[in-house]
C-alpha atoms as a PDB file:
ATOM      1  CA  MET A   1     -34.656 -20.082  49.548  1.00  0.00           C
ATOM      2  CA  LYS A   2     -30.838 -20.182  49.862  1.00  0.00           C
ATOM      3  CA  LYS A   3     -30.769 -22.005  46.562  1.00  0.00           C
ATOM      4  CA  ASN A   4     -32.895 -19.434  44.606  1.00  0.00           C
ATOM      5  CA  SER A   5     -30.814 -16.597  46.002  1.00  0.00           C
ATOM      6  CA  THR A   6     -27.427 -18.347  44.896  1.00  0.00           C
ATOM      7  CA  VAL A   7     -29.034 -18.681  41.149  1.00  0.00           C
ATOM      8  CA  LYS A   8     -29.789 -14.971  41.413  1.00  0.00           C
ATOM      9  CA  THR A   9     -26.773 -13.916  42.352  1.00  0.00           C
ATOM     10  CA  ILE A  10     -25.314 -15.843  39.271  1.00  0.00           C
ATOM     11  CA  LEU A  11     -27.465 -14.099  37.028  1.00  0.00           C
ATOM     12  CA  ILE A  12     -26.660 -10.980  38.246  1.00  0.00           C
ATOM     13  CA  VAL A  13     -23.220 -11.617  37.380  1.00  0.00           C
ATOM     14  CA  LEU A  14     -23.793 -13.316  34.058  1.00  0.00           C
ATOM     15  CA  CYS A  15     -25.889 -10.403  33.269  1.00  0.00           C
ATOM     16  CA  ALA A  16     -22.775  -7.769  34.443  1.00  0.00           C
ATOM     17  CA  ILE A  17     -20.235  -9.971  32.864  1.00  0.00           C
ATOM     18  CA  LEU A  18     -22.275  -9.575  29.375  1.00  0.00           C
ATOM     19  CA  LEU A  19     -23.158  -6.186  29.771  1.00  0.00           C
ATOM     20  CA  GLY A  20     -19.133  -5.328  30.142  1.00  0.00           C
ATOM     21  CA  VAL A  21     -18.524  -7.526  26.536  1.00  0.00           C
ATOM     22  CA  PHE A  22     -21.472  -5.372  25.222  1.00  0.00           C
ATOM     23  CA  VAL A  23     -19.906  -1.796  25.753  1.00  0.00           C
ATOM     24  CA  PHE A  24     -16.359  -2.936  25.613  1.00  0.00           C
ATOM     25  CA  SER A  25     -17.489  -4.448  22.289  1.00  0.00           C
ATOM     26  CA  ALA A  26     -19.608  -1.333  21.101  1.00  0.00           C
ATOM     27  CA  TYR A  27     -15.996   0.774  22.152  1.00  0.00           C
ATOM     28  CA  LYS A  28     -13.820  -1.265  19.824  1.00  0.00           C
ATOM     29  CA  ILE A  29     -16.482  -0.875  17.125  1.00  0.00           C
ATOM     30  CA  ILE A  30     -16.756   3.284  17.494  1.00  0.00           C
ATOM     31  CA  SER A  31     -13.343   3.579  18.368  1.00  0.00           C
ATOM     32  CA  THR A  32     -12.183   1.872  14.703  1.00  0.00           C
ATOM     33  CA  ILE A  33     -14.833   3.879  13.084  1.00  0.00           C
ATOM     34  CA  MET A  34     -13.736   7.309  14.237  1.00  0.00           C
ATOM     35  CA  GLY A  35     -10.039   6.166  13.345  1.00  0.00           C
ATOM     36  CA  TYR A  36     -11.289   5.228  10.019  1.00  0.00           C
ATOM     37  CA  ARG A  37     -12.478   8.590   9.886  1.00  0.00           C
ATOM     38  CA  GLN A  38      -9.915  10.566  11.600  1.00  0.00           C
ATOM     39  CA  ALA A  39      -7.405   9.025   8.820  1.00  0.00           C
ATOM     40  CA  GLU A  40      -9.440   9.384   6.131  1.00  0.00           C
ATOM     41  CA  LYS A  41     -10.186  13.369   6.789  1.00  0.00           C
ATOM     42  CA  ALA A  42      -6.150  13.432   7.327  1.00  0.00           C
ATOM     43  CA  TYR A  43      -5.111  12.309   4.609  1.00  0.00           C
ATOM     44  CA  ASN A  44      -7.735  13.861   2.301  1.00  0.00           C
ATOM     45  CA  GLU A  45      -6.471  17.396   3.917  1.00  0.00           C
ATOM     46  CA  VAL A  46      -3.224  16.170   2.551  1.00  0.00           C
ATOM     47  CA  ALA A  47      -4.067  15.163  -0.925  1.00  0.00           C
ATOM     48  CA  SER A  48      -6.526  18.463  -0.855  1.00  0.00           C
ATOM     49  CA  GLN A  49      -3.340  21.107   0.071  1.00  0.00           C
ATOM     50  CA  TYR A  50      -0.450  19.000  -2.151  1.00  0.00           C
ATOM     51  CA  MET A  51      -1.931  16.948  -4.858  1.00  0.00           C
ATOM     52  CA  THR A  52      -3.890  17.417  -8.061  1.00  0.00           C
ATOM     53  CA  MET A  53      -4.261  15.350 -11.266  1.00  0.00           C
ATOM     54  CA  ALA A  54      -2.744  16.308 -13.794  1.00  0.00           C
ATOM     55  CA  SER A  55      -4.498  17.448 -17.496  1.00  0.00           C
ATOM     56  CA  PRO A  56      -5.190  14.059 -19.344  1.00  0.00           C
ATOM     57  CA  THR A  57      -2.715  13.672 -22.120  1.00  0.00           C
ATOM     58  CA  PRO A  58      -4.271  11.811 -24.835  1.00  0.00           C
ATOM     59  CA  VAL A  59      -2.417   8.436 -26.245  1.00  0.00           C
ATOM     60  CA  PRO A  60      -0.420   9.418 -29.432  1.00  0.00           C
ATOM     61  CA  GLU A  61      -1.450   7.517 -32.667  1.00  0.00           C
ATOM     62  CA  GLU A  62       1.329   5.758 -33.194  1.00  0.00           C
ATOM     63  CA  SER A  63       1.786   4.742 -29.754  1.00  0.00           C
ATOM     64  CA  ALA A  64      -0.181   1.272 -28.378  1.00  0.00           C
ATOM     65  CA  PRO A  65      -3.313  -0.132 -30.054  1.00  0.00           C
ATOM     66  CA  PRO A  66      -6.149   0.927 -27.913  1.00  0.00           C
ATOM     67  CA  GLU A  67      -6.612  -2.195 -26.083  1.00  0.00           C
ATOM     68  CA  GLU A  68      -3.472  -1.443 -24.566  1.00  0.00           C
ATOM     69  CA  GLN A  69      -3.987   2.048 -24.042  1.00  0.00           C
ATOM     70  CA  GLY A  70      -6.114   1.078 -20.524  1.00  0.00           C
ATOM     71  CA  ASP A  71      -8.143   4.293 -19.668  1.00  0.00           C
ATOM     72  CA  GLY A  72      -6.603   6.528 -23.114  1.00  0.00           C
ATOM     73  CA  ILE A  73      -4.079   8.261 -21.075  1.00  0.00           C
ATOM     74  CA  ASP A  74      -0.397   8.239 -22.385  1.00  0.00           C
ATOM     75  CA  PRO A  75       1.414   5.807 -20.015  1.00  0.00           C
ATOM     76  CA  GLU A  76       4.419   8.407 -20.658  1.00  0.00           C
ATOM     77  CA  VAL A  77       3.055  10.955 -18.515  1.00  0.00           C
ATOM     78  CA  SER A  78       2.667  11.130 -14.682  1.00  0.00           C
ATOM     79  CA  PRO A  79      -1.318  11.884 -13.619  1.00  0.00           C
ATOM     80  CA  LEU A  80       0.350  13.795 -10.686  1.00  0.00           C
ATOM     81  CA  ASN A  81       1.334  16.853  -9.630  1.00  0.00           C
ATOM     82  CA  ILE A  82       2.583  16.845  -6.137  1.00  0.00           C
ATOM     83  CA  ASP A  83       3.399  19.832  -4.471  1.00  0.00           C
ATOM     84  CA  PHE A  84       7.023  18.319  -2.447  1.00  0.00           C
ATOM     85  CA  GLU A  85       7.755  21.485  -1.150  1.00  0.00           C
ATOM     86  CA  GLY A  86       4.501  21.959   0.955  1.00  0.00           C
ATOM     87  CA  LEU A  87       4.377  18.419   1.558  1.00  0.00           C
ATOM     88  CA  ARG A  88       7.999  18.778   2.834  1.00  0.00           C
ATOM     89  CA  ARG A  89       7.205  21.531   5.148  1.00  0.00           C
ATOM     90  CA  GLN A  90       4.636  19.722   6.916  1.00  0.00           C
ATOM     91  CA  SER A  91       6.703  16.665   7.347  1.00  0.00           C
ATOM     92  CA  THR A  92      10.423  16.324   6.357  1.00  0.00           C
ATOM     93  CA  ASP A  93       9.773  12.562   6.356  1.00  0.00           C
ATOM     94  CA  TYR A  94       7.631  12.625   3.493  1.00  0.00           C
ATOM     95  CA  VAL A  95       9.729  11.822   0.509  1.00  0.00           C
ATOM     96  CA  ALA A  96       7.392  10.016  -2.546  1.00  0.00           C
ATOM     97  CA  TRP A  97       3.321   9.835  -3.270  1.00  0.00           C
ATOM     98  CA  ILE A  98       1.958   6.183  -4.742  1.00  0.00           C
ATOM     99  CA  TYR A  99      -1.465   6.803  -6.762  1.00  0.00           C
ATOM    100  CA  SER A 100      -3.094   3.681  -8.501  1.00  0.00           C
ATOM    101  CA  PRO A 101      -6.349   4.831  -9.988  1.00  0.00           C
ATOM    102  CA  ASN A 102      -9.426   3.939  -9.608  1.00  0.00           C
ATOM    103  CA  THR A 103      -8.794   2.445  -5.613  1.00  0.00           C
ATOM    104  CA  LYS A 104      -8.148   4.306  -2.940  1.00  0.00           C
ATOM    105  CA  ILE A 105      -4.442   4.115  -3.093  1.00  0.00           C
ATOM    106  CA  ASN A 106      -3.120   7.758  -3.108  1.00  0.00           C
ATOM    107  CA  TYR A 107      -1.160   8.629  -0.285  1.00  0.00           C
ATOM    108  CA  PRO A 108       2.180  10.358   0.451  1.00  0.00           C
ATOM    109  CA  ILE A 109       5.319   8.276   1.159  1.00  0.00           C
ATOM    110  CA  ALA A 110       7.331   8.395   4.361  1.00  0.00           C
ATOM    111  CA  TYR A 111      10.701   7.525   5.352  1.00  0.00           C
ATOM    112  CA  THR A 112      12.181   7.719   8.765  1.00  0.00           C
ATOM    113  CA  ASP A 113      15.090   5.367  10.748  1.00  0.00           C
ATOM    114  CA  ASN A 114      13.125   2.432  11.532  1.00  0.00           C
ATOM    115  CA  ASN A 115       9.989   0.383  10.463  1.00  0.00           C
ATOM    116  CA  PHE A 116       7.825   1.032  13.489  1.00  0.00           C
ATOM    117  CA  TYR A 117       6.866   4.539  14.025  1.00  0.00           C
ATOM    118  CA  TYR A 118       4.779   5.097  10.776  1.00  0.00           C
ATOM    119  CA  LEU A 119       2.965   1.759  11.787  1.00  0.00           C
ATOM    120  CA  ASP A 120       0.632   3.757  13.637  1.00  0.00           C
ATOM    121  CA  HIS A 121       0.951   7.305  12.633  1.00  0.00           C
ATOM    122  CA  ILE A 122      -0.320   9.695  10.694  1.00  0.00           C
ATOM    123  CA  PRO A 123      -0.143  12.922   9.132  1.00  0.00           C
ATOM    124  CA  GLY A 124       0.204  15.726  11.701  1.00  0.00           C
ATOM    125  CA  GLU A 125       2.107  12.776  14.284  1.00  0.00           C
ATOM    126  CA  ILE A 126      -1.239  11.287  15.286  1.00  0.00           C
ATOM    127  CA  THR A 127      -1.482   8.789  16.563  1.00  0.00           C
ATOM    128  CA  ASN A 128      -3.365   6.101  14.610  1.00  0.00           C
ATOM    129  CA  ALA A 129      -4.101   2.520  13.368  1.00  0.00           C
ATOM    130  CA  ASN A 130      -4.329   3.280   9.904  1.00  0.00           C
ATOM    131  CA  GLY A 131      -0.679   4.615   9.798  1.00  0.00           C
ATOM    132  CA  THR A 132       1.046   6.040   7.151  1.00  0.00           C
ATOM    133  CA  ILE A 133       2.581   4.401   3.960  1.00  0.00           C
ATOM    134  CA  PHE A 134       6.072   3.945   4.031  1.00  0.00           C
ATOM    135  CA  ILE A 135       9.665   2.808   2.502  1.00  0.00           C
ATOM    136  CA  ASP A 136      11.563   0.359   4.401  1.00  0.00           C
ATOM    137  CA  CYS A 137      14.035   2.176   6.433  1.00  0.00           C
ATOM    138  CA  ARG A 138      17.170  -0.295   5.338  1.00  0.00           C
ATOM    139  CA  ASN A 139      16.326   0.713   1.586  1.00  0.00           C
ATOM    140  CA  ALA A 140      17.548   3.915   0.141  1.00  0.00           C
ATOM    141  CA  SER A 141      14.810   6.658   0.210  1.00  0.00           C
ATOM    142  CA  ASP A 142      15.436   7.610  -3.511  1.00  0.00           C
ATOM    143  CA  PHE A 143      14.406   4.253  -5.079  1.00  0.00           C
ATOM    144  CA  SER A 144      17.887   3.685  -6.029  1.00  0.00           C
ATOM    145  CA  ASP A 145      18.177  -0.191  -4.530  1.00  0.00           C
ATOM    146  CA  GLN A 146      17.429  -2.688  -7.228  1.00  0.00           C
ATOM    147  CA  ASN A 147      14.074  -3.819  -5.207  1.00  0.00           C
ATOM    148  CA  THR A 148      12.596  -0.833  -2.861  1.00  0.00           C
ATOM    149  CA  CYS A 149      10.092  -2.486  -0.589  1.00  0.00           C
ATOM    150  CA  ILE A 150       7.192  -0.442   0.668  1.00  0.00           C
ATOM    151  CA  TYR A 151       4.664  -1.125   3.509  1.00  0.00           C
ATOM    152  CA  GLY A 152       0.924  -0.206   4.041  1.00  0.00           C
ATOM    153  CA  HIS A 153      -1.539  -1.770   6.474  1.00  0.00           C
ATOM    154  CA  ASN A 154      -4.362  -3.778   5.327  1.00  0.00           C
ATOM    155  CA  MET A 155      -7.207  -1.538   6.656  1.00  0.00           C
ATOM    156  CA  ASN A 156     -10.990  -2.988   6.727  1.00  0.00           C
ATOM    157  CA  ASP A 157     -12.574  -0.030   5.303  1.00  0.00           C
ATOM    158  CA  GLY A 158     -10.434  -0.595   2.136  1.00  0.00           C
ATOM    159  CA  SER A 159      -8.023   2.097   2.944  1.00  0.00           C
ATOM    160  CA  MET A 160      -4.040   1.748   2.792  1.00  0.00           C
ATOM    161  CA  PHE A 161      -3.105  -1.185   1.063  1.00  0.00           C
ATOM    162  CA  ALA A 162      -6.110  -3.040   1.284  1.00  0.00           C
ATOM    163  CA  SER A 163      -6.830  -3.438  -2.676  1.00  0.00           C
ATOM    164  CA  ILE A 164      -3.493  -4.988  -3.516  1.00  0.00           C
ATOM    165  CA  ARG A 165      -4.676  -8.020  -2.022  1.00  0.00           C
ATOM    166  CA  ASN A 166      -7.047  -7.924  -5.033  1.00  0.00           C
ATOM    167  CA  TYR A 167      -4.797  -8.999  -7.329  1.00  0.00           C
ATOM    168  CA  ARG A 168      -5.226 -12.323  -5.808  1.00  0.00           C
ATOM    169  CA  ASP A 169      -7.912 -12.826  -8.461  1.00  0.00           C
ATOM    170  CA  GLU A 170      -6.377 -12.938 -11.855  1.00  0.00           C
ATOM    171  CA  ASN A 171      -9.217 -10.878 -13.260  1.00  0.00           C
ATOM    172  CA  TYR A 172      -8.367  -7.711 -11.293  1.00  0.00           C
ATOM    173  CA  TYR A 173      -4.776  -7.154 -13.015  1.00  0.00           C
ATOM    174  CA  PRO A 174      -6.158  -6.476 -16.502  1.00  0.00           C
ATOM    175  CA  GLN A 175      -8.009  -3.334 -15.210  1.00  0.00           C
ATOM    176  CA  HIS A 176      -5.304  -2.054 -12.947  1.00  0.00           C
ATOM    177  CA  PRO A 177      -1.781  -2.649 -15.014  1.00  0.00           C
ATOM    178  CA  VAL A 178       0.263  -0.367 -13.387  1.00  0.00           C
ATOM    179  CA  ILE A 179       0.355   2.190 -10.322  1.00  0.00           C
ATOM    180  CA  TYR A 180       2.148   5.520 -10.350  1.00  0.00           C
ATOM    181  CA  LEU A 181       4.698   7.022  -7.842  1.00  0.00           C
ATOM    182  CA  SER A 182       6.417  10.486  -7.857  1.00  0.00           C
ATOM    183  CA  THR A 183       9.264  12.051  -6.003  1.00  0.00           C
ATOM    184  CA  PRO A 184      10.937  15.320  -5.809  1.00  0.00           C
ATOM    185  CA  GLU A 185      13.076  14.628  -8.642  1.00  0.00           C
ATOM    186  CA  PHE A 186      11.151  11.962 -10.713  1.00  0.00           C
ATOM    187  CA  ASN A 187       7.862  10.092 -11.984  1.00  0.00           C
ATOM    188  CA  TYR A 188       7.720   6.717 -11.958  1.00  0.00           C
ATOM    189  CA  ARG A 189       4.922   4.445 -13.350  1.00  0.00           C
ATOM    190  CA  LEU A 190       5.107   0.795 -11.593  1.00  0.00           C
ATOM    191  CA  ASP A 191       4.680  -1.846 -14.465  1.00  0.00           C
ATOM    192  CA  LEU A 192       3.254  -4.606 -12.347  1.00  0.00           C
ATOM    193  CA  ILE A 193       4.885  -8.519 -13.117  1.00  0.00           C
ATOM    194  CA  ALA A 194       3.531 -10.329 -10.122  1.00  0.00           C
ATOM    195  CA  GLY A 195       1.644 -10.725  -7.130  1.00  0.00           C
ATOM    196  CA  PHE A 196       1.775 -13.271  -4.048  1.00  0.00           C
ATOM    197  CA  VAL A 197       1.542 -14.633  -0.570  1.00  0.00           C
ATOM    198  CA  THR A 198       4.602 -15.092   1.233  1.00  0.00           C
ATOM    199  CA  GLU A 199       6.188 -14.334   4.874  1.00  0.00           C
ATOM    200  CA  PRO A 200       7.315 -11.533   6.287  1.00  0.00           C
ATOM    201  CA  THR A 201      10.505 -12.570   6.104  1.00  0.00           C
ATOM    202  CA  SER A 202      10.239 -14.056   2.458  1.00  0.00           C
ATOM    203  CA  PHE A 203      13.489 -13.770  -0.249  1.00  0.00           C
ATOM    204  CA  ALA A 204      10.576 -11.095  -1.542  1.00  0.00           C
ATOM    205  CA  TYR A 205      12.239  -8.583   0.506  1.00  0.00           C
ATOM    206  CA  ALA A 206      16.037  -8.198  -0.861  1.00  0.00           C
ATOM    207  CA  MET A 207      16.983  -5.637  -1.870  1.00  0.00           C
ATOM    208  CA  ASN A 208      20.086  -5.695  -3.295  1.00  0.00           C
ATOM    209  CA  PHE A 209      21.706  -8.809  -5.155  1.00  0.00           C
ATOM    210  CA  ASP A 210      25.098 -10.052  -5.839  1.00  0.00           C
ATOM    211  CA  SER A 211      24.755 -10.590  -9.464  1.00  0.00           C
ATOM    212  CA  PRO A 212      22.532  -9.847 -12.163  1.00  0.00           C
ATOM    213  CA  GLU A 213      21.797 -13.794 -12.523  1.00  0.00           C
ATOM    214  CA  GLN A 214      20.639 -13.686  -8.820  1.00  0.00           C
ATOM    215  CA  PHE A 215      18.252 -10.768  -9.394  1.00  0.00           C
ATOM    216  CA  LEU A 216      16.787 -11.721 -12.823  1.00  0.00           C
ATOM    217  CA  SER A 217      16.340 -15.806 -11.078  1.00  0.00           C
ATOM    218  CA  GLN A 218      14.387 -13.926  -8.370  1.00  0.00           C
ATOM    219  CA  ILE A 219      12.117 -12.216 -10.812  1.00  0.00           C
ATOM    220  CA  GLN A 220      11.194 -15.470 -12.335  1.00  0.00           C
ATOM    221  CA  LEU A 221      10.700 -17.097  -9.026  1.00  0.00           C
ATOM    222  CA  ILE A 222       8.043 -14.127  -8.063  1.00  0.00           C
ATOM    223  CA  LYS A 223       6.424 -14.354 -12.066  1.00  0.00           C
ATOM    224  CA  ASP A 224       5.883 -18.601 -11.187  1.00  0.00           C
ATOM    225  CA  LEU A 225       4.386 -18.017  -7.824  1.00  0.00           C
ATOM    226  CA  SER A 226       2.442 -15.035  -9.076  1.00  0.00           C
ATOM    227  CA  THR A 227      -1.802 -14.449  -8.709  1.00  0.00           C
ATOM    228  CA  PHE A 228      -1.995 -13.265 -12.025  1.00  0.00           C
ATOM    229  CA  LYS A 229      -0.108 -13.126 -15.384  1.00  0.00           C
ATOM    230  CA  SER A 230       1.896 -10.212 -16.773  1.00  0.00           C
ATOM    231  CA  ASP A 231       3.808  -9.620 -19.771  1.00  0.00           C
ATOM    232  CA  VAL A 232       5.819  -7.083 -18.390  1.00  0.00           C
ATOM    233  CA  GLU A 233       9.552  -8.429 -18.761  1.00  0.00           C
ATOM    234  CA  VAL A 234      12.608  -6.979 -16.995  1.00  0.00           C
ATOM    235  CA  LYS A 235      16.327  -6.865 -17.169  1.00  0.00           C
ATOM    236  CA  GLU A 236      19.330  -7.173 -15.634  1.00  0.00           C
ATOM    237  CA  THR A 237      19.500  -3.231 -15.111  1.00  0.00           C
ATOM    238  CA  ASP A 238      16.047  -2.473 -14.033  1.00  0.00           C
ATOM    239  CA  LYS A 239      15.283  -1.636 -10.531  1.00  0.00           C
ATOM    240  CA  ILE A 240      11.885  -2.800  -9.261  1.00  0.00           C
ATOM    241  CA  VAL A 241       9.276  -2.030  -6.251  1.00  0.00           C
ATOM    242  CA  THR A 242       7.521  -4.618  -3.733  1.00  0.00           C
ATOM    243  CA  LEU A 243       4.168  -3.159  -1.839  1.00  0.00           C
ATOM    244  CA  SER A 244       3.345  -5.254   1.205  1.00  0.00           C
ATOM    245  CA  THR A 245       0.493  -5.399   3.064  1.00  0.00           C
ATOM    246  CA  CYS A 246      -1.418  -8.045   5.635  1.00  0.00           C
ATOM    247  CA  THR A 247      -3.610 -11.162   4.062  1.00  0.00           C
ATOM    248  CA  TYR A 248      -4.704 -13.254   6.187  1.00  0.00           C
ATOM    249  CA  GLU A 249      -4.388 -16.961   4.243  1.00  0.00           C
ATOM    250  CA  ARG A 250      -1.873 -18.283   6.766  1.00  0.00           C
ATOM    251  CA  GLU A 251      -0.485 -17.183  10.290  1.00  0.00           C
ATOM    252  CA  GLU A 252       1.774 -13.787   9.530  1.00  0.00           C
ATOM    253  CA  GLY A 253       1.060 -13.888   6.112  1.00  0.00           C
ATOM    254  CA  ARG A 254       1.771 -10.555   3.401  1.00  0.00           C
ATOM    255  CA  TYR A 255       0.700 -10.108   0.101  1.00  0.00           C
ATOM    256  CA  VAL A 256       3.089  -8.055  -2.265  1.00  0.00           C
ATOM    257  CA  VAL A 257       3.153  -6.383  -5.001  1.00  0.00           C
ATOM    258  CA  VAL A 258       6.172  -6.379  -7.569  1.00  0.00           C
ATOM    259  CA  GLY A 259       6.492  -3.775 -10.065  1.00  0.00           C
ATOM    260  CA  LYS A 260       9.051  -3.067 -12.382  1.00  0.00           C
ATOM    261  CA  LEU A 261      10.282   0.949 -12.161  1.00  0.00           C
ATOM    262  CA  THR A 262       9.823   2.952 -15.186  1.00  0.00           C
ATOM    263  CA  ARG A 263      10.454   6.725 -15.189  1.00  0.00           C
ATOM    264  CA  ILE A 264       8.099   8.657 -16.819  1.00  0.00           C
ATOM    265  CA  HIS A 265       7.346  12.521 -17.142  1.00  0.00           C
END
């Protein structure tokens, strides 16, 4: 009789533990989904208030041949119209906007005095795991360094910088060869040159170089490591931008995509 009572007690305890695990797991899943929705709503509101797409500009006939024209829009004209005056009334930390056609990347870029705050804060000073796309605090905020590093989370719903990991597939690059940046002063096109898996303390995050030769050596190295092939040429006077997100091929892995910064209208 005592044995049956012990078994019954053990079963009750096990059921209680399993129920607790189920409730906790359900809570975490619901919290994650709600977090995604909260972030999506916040960024959609920011985009609807401060970002509009420019009217398409046909590529001039004397420009690149059709197979090099991508979506048929003049690559020398930014597709973005950003109301930076309004955007910066919401937060003076917003210094730029990033847009990757046909992906979820369409976000303001923040800059502050540390690399921690925007890991878990979204517009409105709301704590949220999606965070905000941000420039490394060791960089200048105006893309004047030889290499400006920009960070964004790899979210499971495909938001933030999740889509840059698609460049691991070499067939993805020809359909997404450029990314656009806008600042209050200038519009830019990122002509992508490489993407590869690395570590958080990698050479990829070097921001300035001791000599033109050192800079060009870095460009050659990242091209050698790249998961896709790009014919974009980089000169010693050019500047680059490195987009970074988490990846899981290795412990503490990062996937970075590097682009040449080209000023456009």
